[in-house]
Amino acid sequence: MTPASLKDLRNRLKKKDEALVGLLNERARISLEIGEVKKKAELNVYDPPQEKKIYRYLSKINDGPLPDESLREIFKEILSASRSLQMPEMVAFLGPEASFSHAAAQSHFGKSTRFSPQSTILDVFDQVERKRVPWGVVPVENTIEGMVKLTLDRLIATPLNIMAEIFQPITHCLMSTITDMKALKRIYSHPQALAQCQEWTRKHVPFCSLHNIESTAAAAQKALNDAEGAAIGSSKAALRYGLSILSDGIEDYPSNITRFLVIGEGINRSTGRDKTSILFGTRHQPGALYRSLEPFAQKEINLVKIESYPIKERMWEYLFFVDFDGHRDEEKIQACLEDLQSQATFVKILGSYPKGDIKS
C-alpha cells in the first residue's frame, strides 16, 4: 500500500476541521437555547457542578491519543465561549493583568471571559458584594506560606459563597529592564512572593532591598519604571510588561501551589466529589474544640483542613476554618452540622463546591 502523501493527509484534516466548525456552531446554538432557559428560570450562566460533570464525561469517553488534560483545555475555551454567548460576564481578580490571580482566573473561566483587575483582595470582594461583577477570584492559601489573612478576614463577614476552588502552580522569575543582576538595588513583589523566594534572594542578591507591593504584576509595573529595580513574578508578567528575565524558577521550593477561591452568590448542587468549607467558633473552655470536631469523627467525615484564626476583638480567642469532604446537602453532612451547632458558639457555611484539580 502506498503511504499517504502530506497533501492527502492535509486534505483529510481540512475536512475534519470543516466538520468541527459545523459541530462547534451547532453546539453554540444549543448553548444559546440553554441560556434562554436559564434566564427564564433565573439560573446562573456559570455552573461549576455542570462544568465539572462535562469534564468527567469527556475523560470517560476519551479513547485517545489526545490526553485528557489537552481535551480539558480545549473544552475549557469552548465552555468559556458558550458562557459568553449566553450572557457576557465579568470576573474580578487581584490585578493588574499577568498576576497569578489573573492566570488562575483564566485557567478556570477561559479566555473568552471578560476580566476586571482590582487593586486589592478587599476590592475583589467589594465588586462582587456590590453586584458590579457576578464572580471574583481570590487567593486563600499557599503550600509554602500558608493562609492569606486578608481573604480569611473577608470570608468571616461576606454574604458571598465559595463556588469553586482553583489550584495554580506558582513559578517565579526575577525580571528587570536591565540585564546585569549586580546593578540592581531594589526588588519589588507581593509579600508572599518575596517570602517564597527568600532563600534565593538572600543567596543571589543580598545587596538589594526588598519592597512589598500589592501584587506581583504591580511589582512588574514598578520595576518597569525603576532603572535599578527588579520584580519577582511570573514569566507572563515579564512578557506582558516587556521586562527581561534575569533568572527563572527562583522559588525556594518547587512544589509551590496557590489555592484560589471563586466567590459569588448562589449554592452549588452536589457533584458526588465535593468539598465544603465552614467557619465556627467555640466556647472558651477546656475540651470545646474536641467536642466540636467529634461529630466529624462519629460520622466518618474526612477533614481536609483546619485552621485557627484569632478573633480581633477578643484576646486569645479563636475561630476555626475547616474544609471537609462532602456536600452540605448530604444527609450525614447535615446531621454533622446540626451536632456541631449544639457544641459551637456559631457556625457559618462558606460554601460547598466541586473539588479542584491539583496540577503539577
Protein backbone atom coordinates (compact mmCIF):
# COMPACT_ATOMS: atom_id res chain seq x y z
CA MET A 1 0.00 0.00 0.00
CA THR A 2 1.34 3.42 -0.97
CA PRO A 3 1.82 5.73 2.07
CA ALA A 4 -0.48 8.74 2.10
CA SER A 5 1.15 11.93 0.89
CA LEU A 6 1.38 15.04 3.04
CA LYS A 7 -1.12 16.72 0.72
CA ASP A 8 -3.61 13.87 1.16
CA LEU A 9 -3.25 13.98 4.94
CA ARG A 10 -3.79 17.75 5.00
CA ASN A 11 -6.91 17.38 2.84
CA ARG A 12 -8.27 14.83 5.33
CA LEU A 13 -7.52 17.25 8.18
CA LYS A 14 -9.26 20.05 6.28
CA LYS A 15 -12.45 18.00 6.02
CA LYS A 16 -12.30 17.22 9.74
CA ASP A 17 -11.78 20.92 10.51
CA GLU A 18 -14.82 21.81 8.40
CA ALA A 19 -16.87 19.22 10.29
CA LEU A 20 -15.55 20.53 13.63
CA VAL A 21 -16.51 24.11 12.83
CA GLY A 22 -20.00 22.99 11.90
CA LEU A 23 -20.36 20.94 15.10
CA LEU A 24 -18.99 23.79 17.27
CA ASN A 25 -21.51 26.22 15.83
CA GLU A 26 -24.28 23.68 16.27
CA ARG A 27 -23.20 23.30 19.90
CA ALA A 28 -23.17 27.10 20.25
CA ARG A 29 -26.77 27.35 19.03
CA ILE A 30 -27.86 24.75 21.60
CA SER A 31 -25.90 26.68 24.22
CA LEU A 32 -27.84 29.83 23.35
CA GLU A 33 -31.10 27.92 23.87
CA ILE A 34 -29.81 26.76 27.27
CA GLY A 35 -29.02 30.40 28.07
CA GLU A 36 -32.63 31.37 27.39
CA VAL A 37 -33.92 28.58 29.64
CA LYS A 38 -31.53 29.65 32.42
CA LYS A 39 -32.61 33.26 32.05
CA LYS A 40 -36.31 32.40 32.43
CA ALA A 41 -35.53 30.18 35.43
CA GLU A 42 -33.25 32.89 36.91
CA LEU A 43 -30.30 30.49 37.00
CA ASN A 44 -26.64 31.46 36.84
CA VAL A 45 -24.90 31.05 33.50
CA TYR A 46 -21.76 29.95 35.37
CA ASP A 47 -22.47 26.47 36.78
CA PRO A 48 -19.39 24.80 38.37
CA PRO A 49 -21.05 21.40 39.07
CA GLN A 50 -22.29 21.10 35.48
CA GLU A 51 -18.89 22.04 34.06
CA LYS A 52 -17.18 19.52 36.33
CA LYS A 53 -19.68 16.91 35.10
CA ILE A 54 -18.77 17.71 31.48
CA TYR A 55 -15.03 17.33 32.15
CA ARG A 56 -15.55 13.97 33.85
CA TYR A 57 -17.72 12.74 30.98
CA LEU A 58 -15.08 13.81 28.46
CA SER A 59 -12.43 11.81 30.32
CA LYS A 60 -14.77 8.81 30.37
CA ILE A 61 -15.41 8.80 26.61
CA ASN A 62 -11.89 9.81 25.54
CA ASP A 63 -10.10 6.93 23.77
CA GLY A 64 -7.01 8.99 22.83
CA PRO A 65 -4.48 9.66 21.51
CA LEU A 66 -5.45 13.14 22.76
CA PRO A 67 -4.61 13.27 26.53
CA ASP A 68 -7.43 14.08 28.95
CA GLU A 69 -5.70 17.28 30.06
CA SER A 70 -5.43 18.53 26.46
CA LEU A 71 -9.10 17.73 25.85
CA ARG A 72 -9.98 19.58 29.05
CA GLU A 73 -8.07 22.70 27.93
CA ILE A 74 -9.85 22.68 24.56
CA PHE A 75 -13.28 22.34 26.15
CA LYS A 76 -12.46 24.98 28.74
CA GLU A 77 -12.38 27.54 25.94
CA ILE A 78 -15.50 26.04 24.34
CA LEU A 79 -17.37 26.41 27.63
CA SER A 80 -15.95 29.90 28.10
CA ALA A 81 -17.20 30.91 24.65
CA SER A 82 -20.58 29.33 25.40
CA ARG A 83 -20.97 31.31 28.63
CA SER A 84 -20.01 34.47 26.77
CA LEU A 85 -22.69 33.79 24.15
CA GLN A 86 -25.35 33.08 26.77
CA MET A 87 -24.56 36.19 28.79
CA PRO A 88 -21.25 38.12 28.78
CA GLU A 89 -20.00 38.11 32.36
CA MET A 90 -17.15 39.82 34.21
CA VAL A 91 -14.83 38.20 36.74
CA ALA A 92 -12.92 40.34 39.25
CA PHE A 93 -9.40 39.33 40.29
CA LEU A 94 -6.39 40.72 42.13
CA GLY A 95 -4.66 42.63 39.35
CA PRO A 96 -3.22 44.04 37.30
CA GLU A 97 -3.06 41.76 34.25
CA ALA A 98 -0.48 38.95 34.31
CA SER A 99 -0.73 38.46 38.07
CA PHE A 100 -1.01 34.89 39.35
CA SER A 101 -4.64 35.66 40.25
CA HIS A 102 -5.21 36.59 36.62
CA ALA A 103 -3.64 33.32 35.49
CA ALA A 104 -5.83 31.36 37.92
CA ALA A 105 -8.98 33.17 36.75
CA GLN A 106 -8.15 32.50 33.09
CA SER A 107 -7.32 28.85 33.78
CA HIS A 108 -10.76 28.35 35.34
CA PHE A 109 -13.10 30.58 33.33
CA GLY A 110 -11.30 30.51 29.96
CA LYS A 111 -10.08 33.40 27.85
CA SER A 112 -13.46 34.29 26.32
CA THR A 113 -14.48 35.64 29.73
CA ARG A 114 -14.02 39.33 30.49
CA PHE A 115 -11.83 40.07 33.50
CA SER A 116 -11.78 43.06 35.82
CA PRO A 117 -8.46 43.71 37.64
CA GLN A 118 -8.73 45.06 41.20
CA SER A 119 -6.07 46.72 43.35
CA THR A 120 -6.65 44.61 46.48
CA ILE A 121 -8.32 41.42 47.66
CA LEU A 122 -10.86 43.53 49.55
CA ASP A 123 -11.73 45.31 46.29
CA VAL A 124 -12.49 41.94 44.67
CA PHE A 125 -14.97 41.15 47.45
CA ASP A 126 -16.46 44.66 47.21
CA GLN A 127 -17.05 44.38 43.47
CA VAL A 128 -18.97 41.12 43.85
CA GLU A 129 -20.86 42.14 47.01
CA ARG A 130 -22.00 45.36 45.32
CA LYS A 131 -23.13 43.28 42.29
CA ARG A 132 -20.85 45.15 39.91
CA VAL A 133 -19.49 41.78 38.78
CA PRO A 134 -21.03 38.35 39.46
CA TRP A 135 -17.83 36.47 40.31
CA GLY A 136 -14.47 37.08 41.93
CA VAL A 137 -11.22 35.11 42.25
CA VAL A 138 -9.13 35.50 45.42
CA PRO A 139 -6.08 33.64 46.79
CA VAL A 140 -6.72 31.78 50.05
CA GLU A 141 -3.61 29.72 50.78
CA ASN A 142 -0.17 28.75 49.53
CA THR A 143 1.62 25.45 50.09
CA ILE A 144 4.68 27.31 51.42
CA GLU A 145 3.43 30.47 53.10
CA GLY A 146 0.08 29.23 54.38
CA MET A 147 -3.22 31.11 54.60
CA VAL A 148 -3.89 34.53 53.07
CA LYS A 149 -5.03 36.64 56.01
CA LEU A 150 -6.95 39.28 54.02
CA THR A 151 -9.09 36.62 52.37
CA LEU A 152 -9.87 34.94 55.68
CA ASP A 153 -10.77 38.34 57.17
CA ARG A 154 -13.36 38.93 54.49
CA LEU A 155 -14.77 35.40 54.44
CA ILE A 156 -15.85 35.90 58.05
CA ALA A 157 -18.23 38.76 57.17
CA THR A 158 -19.11 38.36 53.49
CA PRO A 159 -22.59 37.16 52.41
CA LEU A 160 -20.99 35.53 49.35
CA ASN A 161 -20.40 31.80 48.95
CA ILE A 162 -17.41 29.83 47.74
CA MET A 163 -18.43 28.48 44.32
CA ALA A 164 -15.22 26.73 43.21
CA GLU A 165 -11.54 26.28 44.02
CA ILE A 166 -8.55 26.61 41.69
CA PHE A 167 -5.06 25.19 42.27
CA GLN A 168 -2.46 27.30 40.45
CA PRO A 169 1.21 26.21 40.25
CA ILE A 170 3.49 29.14 41.08
CA THR A 171 6.83 29.63 39.34
CA HIS A 172 8.68 32.88 40.00
CA CYS A 173 11.28 34.71 37.98
CA LEU A 174 13.38 37.82 38.56
CA MET A 175 12.65 40.44 35.89
CA SER A 176 14.02 43.89 35.14
CA THR A 177 14.71 46.46 32.42
CA ILE A 178 18.43 45.78 32.86
CA THR A 179 20.32 42.52 32.35
CA ASP A 180 23.12 42.95 34.92
CA MET A 181 21.92 41.49 38.22
CA LYS A 182 24.80 43.14 40.09
CA ALA A 183 23.48 46.58 39.12
CA LEU A 184 20.21 46.03 40.94
CA LYS A 185 19.42 47.87 44.18
CA ARG A 186 15.72 47.18 44.77
CA ILE A 187 13.38 44.21 44.32
CA TYR A 188 9.59 44.57 44.33
CA SER A 189 6.91 41.93 44.81
CA HIS A 190 3.91 40.79 46.80
CA PRO A 191 4.89 39.83 50.39
CA GLN A 192 4.06 36.16 49.78
CA ALA A 193 6.18 36.05 46.62
CA LEU A 194 9.11 37.63 48.45
CA ALA A 195 8.73 35.07 51.23
CA GLN A 196 8.56 32.20 48.72
CA CYS A 197 11.89 33.31 47.23
CA GLN A 198 13.69 34.48 50.37
CA GLU A 199 16.48 31.88 50.28
CA TRP A 200 17.20 32.61 46.63
CA THR A 201 17.28 36.39 47.12
CA ARG A 202 19.47 36.04 50.22
CA LYS A 203 21.97 33.97 48.25
CA HIS A 204 21.98 35.74 44.88
CA VAL A 205 21.01 39.39 45.53
CA PRO A 206 21.80 40.08 49.22
CA PHE A 207 22.72 43.67 48.31
CA CYS A 208 19.14 44.51 47.23
CA SER A 209 16.43 45.97 49.45
CA LEU A 210 13.06 44.21 49.30
CA HIS A 211 9.82 46.18 48.85
CA ASN A 212 6.24 44.95 49.37
CA ILE A 213 3.81 45.65 46.52
CA GLU A 214 0.09 44.73 46.33
CA SER A 215 0.60 42.13 43.57
CA THR A 216 3.35 40.53 41.50
CA ALA A 217 2.05 42.19 38.33
CA ALA A 218 2.03 45.61 40.02
CA ALA A 219 5.62 44.88 41.06
CA ALA A 220 6.49 44.30 37.39
CA GLN A 221 5.00 47.69 36.54
CA LYS A 222 7.06 49.24 39.33
CA ALA A 223 10.27 47.65 38.03
CA LEU A 224 9.46 48.95 34.56
CA ASN A 225 9.94 52.50 35.85
CA ASP A 226 12.97 51.85 38.06
CA ALA A 227 16.33 51.70 36.28
CA GLU A 228 17.89 49.96 39.28
CA GLY A 229 14.89 47.85 40.25
CA ALA A 230 13.60 44.36 39.55
CA ALA A 231 10.42 42.43 40.29
CA ILE A 232 9.62 38.88 41.31
CA GLY A 233 6.64 37.44 39.48
CA SER A 234 5.53 35.25 36.60
CA SER A 235 7.18 34.94 33.19
CA LYS A 236 3.82 36.07 31.75
CA ALA A 237 4.23 39.35 33.65
CA ALA A 238 7.71 39.78 32.18
CA LEU A 239 6.33 39.24 28.69
CA ARG A 240 3.29 41.46 29.30
CA TYR A 241 5.35 44.42 30.55
CA GLY A 242 8.41 43.98 28.35
CA LEU A 243 10.92 43.07 31.05
CA SER A 244 13.99 40.85 30.72
CA ILE A 245 14.06 37.65 32.76
CA LEU A 246 17.31 37.60 34.76
CA SER A 247 16.65 34.25 36.42
CA ASP A 248 13.75 31.78 36.27
CA GLY A 249 12.44 29.21 38.76
CA ILE A 250 13.70 31.16 41.76
CA GLU A 251 11.08 29.91 44.25
CA ASP A 252 12.71 28.12 47.18
CA TYR A 253 10.52 25.03 46.86
CA PRO A 254 9.40 23.53 43.51
CA SER A 255 6.06 22.27 44.92
CA ASN A 256 4.72 25.81 45.16
CA ILE A 257 0.95 25.93 44.58
CA THR A 258 -1.56 28.61 45.49
CA ARG A 259 -5.20 27.75 46.08
CA PHE A 260 -7.71 30.32 44.83
CA LEU A 261 -11.43 30.58 45.53
CA VAL A 262 -14.22 31.65 43.19
CA ILE A 263 -16.69 33.74 45.21
CA GLY A 264 -20.23 34.76 44.27
CA GLU A 265 -23.92 34.35 45.02
CA GLY A 266 -25.72 31.03 44.81
CA ILE A 267 -25.46 27.47 46.11
CA ASN A 268 -23.97 24.63 44.06
CA ARG A 269 -25.62 21.28 43.50
CA SER A 270 -23.79 18.16 44.61
CA THR A 271 -21.45 16.50 42.10
CA GLY A 272 -20.54 13.45 44.20
CA ARG A 273 -16.98 14.72 44.59
CA ASP A 274 -17.33 17.91 46.61
CA LYS A 275 -15.69 19.86 49.38
CA THR A 276 -17.40 22.03 51.99
CA SER A 277 -15.83 24.95 53.86
CA ILE A 278 -17.18 26.23 57.16
CA LEU A 279 -16.25 28.68 59.89
CA PHE A 280 -17.12 28.09 63.53
CA GLY A 281 -16.39 29.44 66.99
CA THR A 282 -16.09 27.50 70.24
CA ARG A 283 -16.78 28.25 73.87
CA HIS A 284 -13.72 29.39 75.79
CA GLN A 285 -13.47 26.27 77.97
CA PRO A 286 -11.45 23.02 78.13
CA GLY A 287 -12.37 20.41 75.52
CA ALA A 288 -14.53 22.77 73.45
CA LEU A 289 -12.63 22.15 70.20
CA TYR A 290 -12.57 18.40 70.78
CA ARG A 291 -16.34 18.29 71.29
CA SER A 292 -16.89 20.47 68.21
CA LEU A 293 -14.87 18.13 65.99
CA GLU A 294 -16.25 14.91 67.48
CA PRO A 295 -19.32 14.80 65.14
CA PHE A 296 -17.00 14.60 62.11
CA ALA A 297 -15.28 11.51 63.53
CA GLN A 298 -18.55 9.90 64.55
CA LYS A 299 -19.98 10.27 61.05
CA GLU A 300 -16.69 9.37 59.33
CA ILE A 301 -16.36 12.69 57.54
CA ASN A 302 -12.83 13.38 56.35
CA LEU A 303 -11.40 16.72 57.50
CA VAL A 304 -9.19 18.16 54.74
CA LYS A 305 -8.02 21.24 56.63
CA ILE A 306 -8.46 23.03 59.95
CA GLU A 307 -7.00 26.49 60.56
CA SER A 308 -7.28 28.51 63.77
CA TYR A 309 -7.77 32.23 63.42
CA PRO A 310 -7.60 34.84 66.22
CA ILE A 311 -10.69 36.94 66.91
CA LYS A 312 -9.52 40.53 66.70
CA GLU A 313 -11.86 41.92 69.35
CA ARG A 314 -11.21 39.12 71.88
CA MET A 315 -7.68 38.37 73.00
CA TRP A 316 -6.70 34.67 72.96
CA GLU A 317 -10.00 33.54 71.45
CA TYR A 318 -10.14 31.87 68.06
CA LEU A 319 -12.34 30.99 65.11
CA PHE A 320 -11.72 27.85 63.09
CA PHE A 321 -11.80 27.47 59.31
CA VAL A 322 -12.48 23.86 58.30
CA ASP A 323 -12.58 22.13 54.91
CA PHE A 324 -14.05 18.63 54.71
CA ASP A 325 -15.11 16.10 52.07
CA GLY A 326 -18.78 16.12 51.12
CA HIS A 327 -21.65 18.45 50.20
CA ARG A 328 -23.89 20.42 52.56
CA ASP A 329 -26.99 18.67 51.13
CA GLU A 330 -25.80 15.16 52.06
CA GLU A 331 -27.75 13.64 54.93
CA LYS A 332 -24.73 12.80 57.07
CA ILE A 333 -23.23 16.25 56.50
CA GLN A 334 -26.46 17.92 57.60
CA ALA A 335 -26.58 15.72 60.71
CA CYS A 336 -22.94 16.54 61.48
CA LEU A 337 -23.52 20.28 61.15
CA GLU A 338 -26.56 20.05 63.43
CA ASP A 339 -24.41 18.35 66.08
CA LEU A 340 -21.72 20.98 65.58
CA GLN A 341 -24.31 23.75 66.09
CA SER A 342 -25.08 22.34 69.54
CA GLN A 343 -21.41 22.48 70.56
CA ALA A 344 -20.11 25.62 68.86
CA THR A 345 -20.99 29.23 69.61
CA PHE A 346 -21.84 29.73 65.94
CA VAL A 347 -21.37 28.02 62.56
CA LYS A 348 -21.16 29.63 59.12
CA ILE A 349 -21.21 27.53 55.93
CA LEU A 350 -18.87 29.24 53.47
CA GLY A 351 -19.82 27.00 50.55
CA SER A 352 -19.97 23.53 49.03
CA TYR A 353 -18.20 23.21 45.68
CA PRO A 354 -16.58 20.70 43.31
CA LYS A 355 -13.10 19.62 44.35
CA GLY A 356 -10.44 21.37 42.30
CA ASP A 357 -7.86 19.52 40.23
CA ILE A 358 -4.31 19.89 41.52
CA LYS A 359 -1.86 20.46 38.67
CA SER A 360 1.85 19.85 39.00
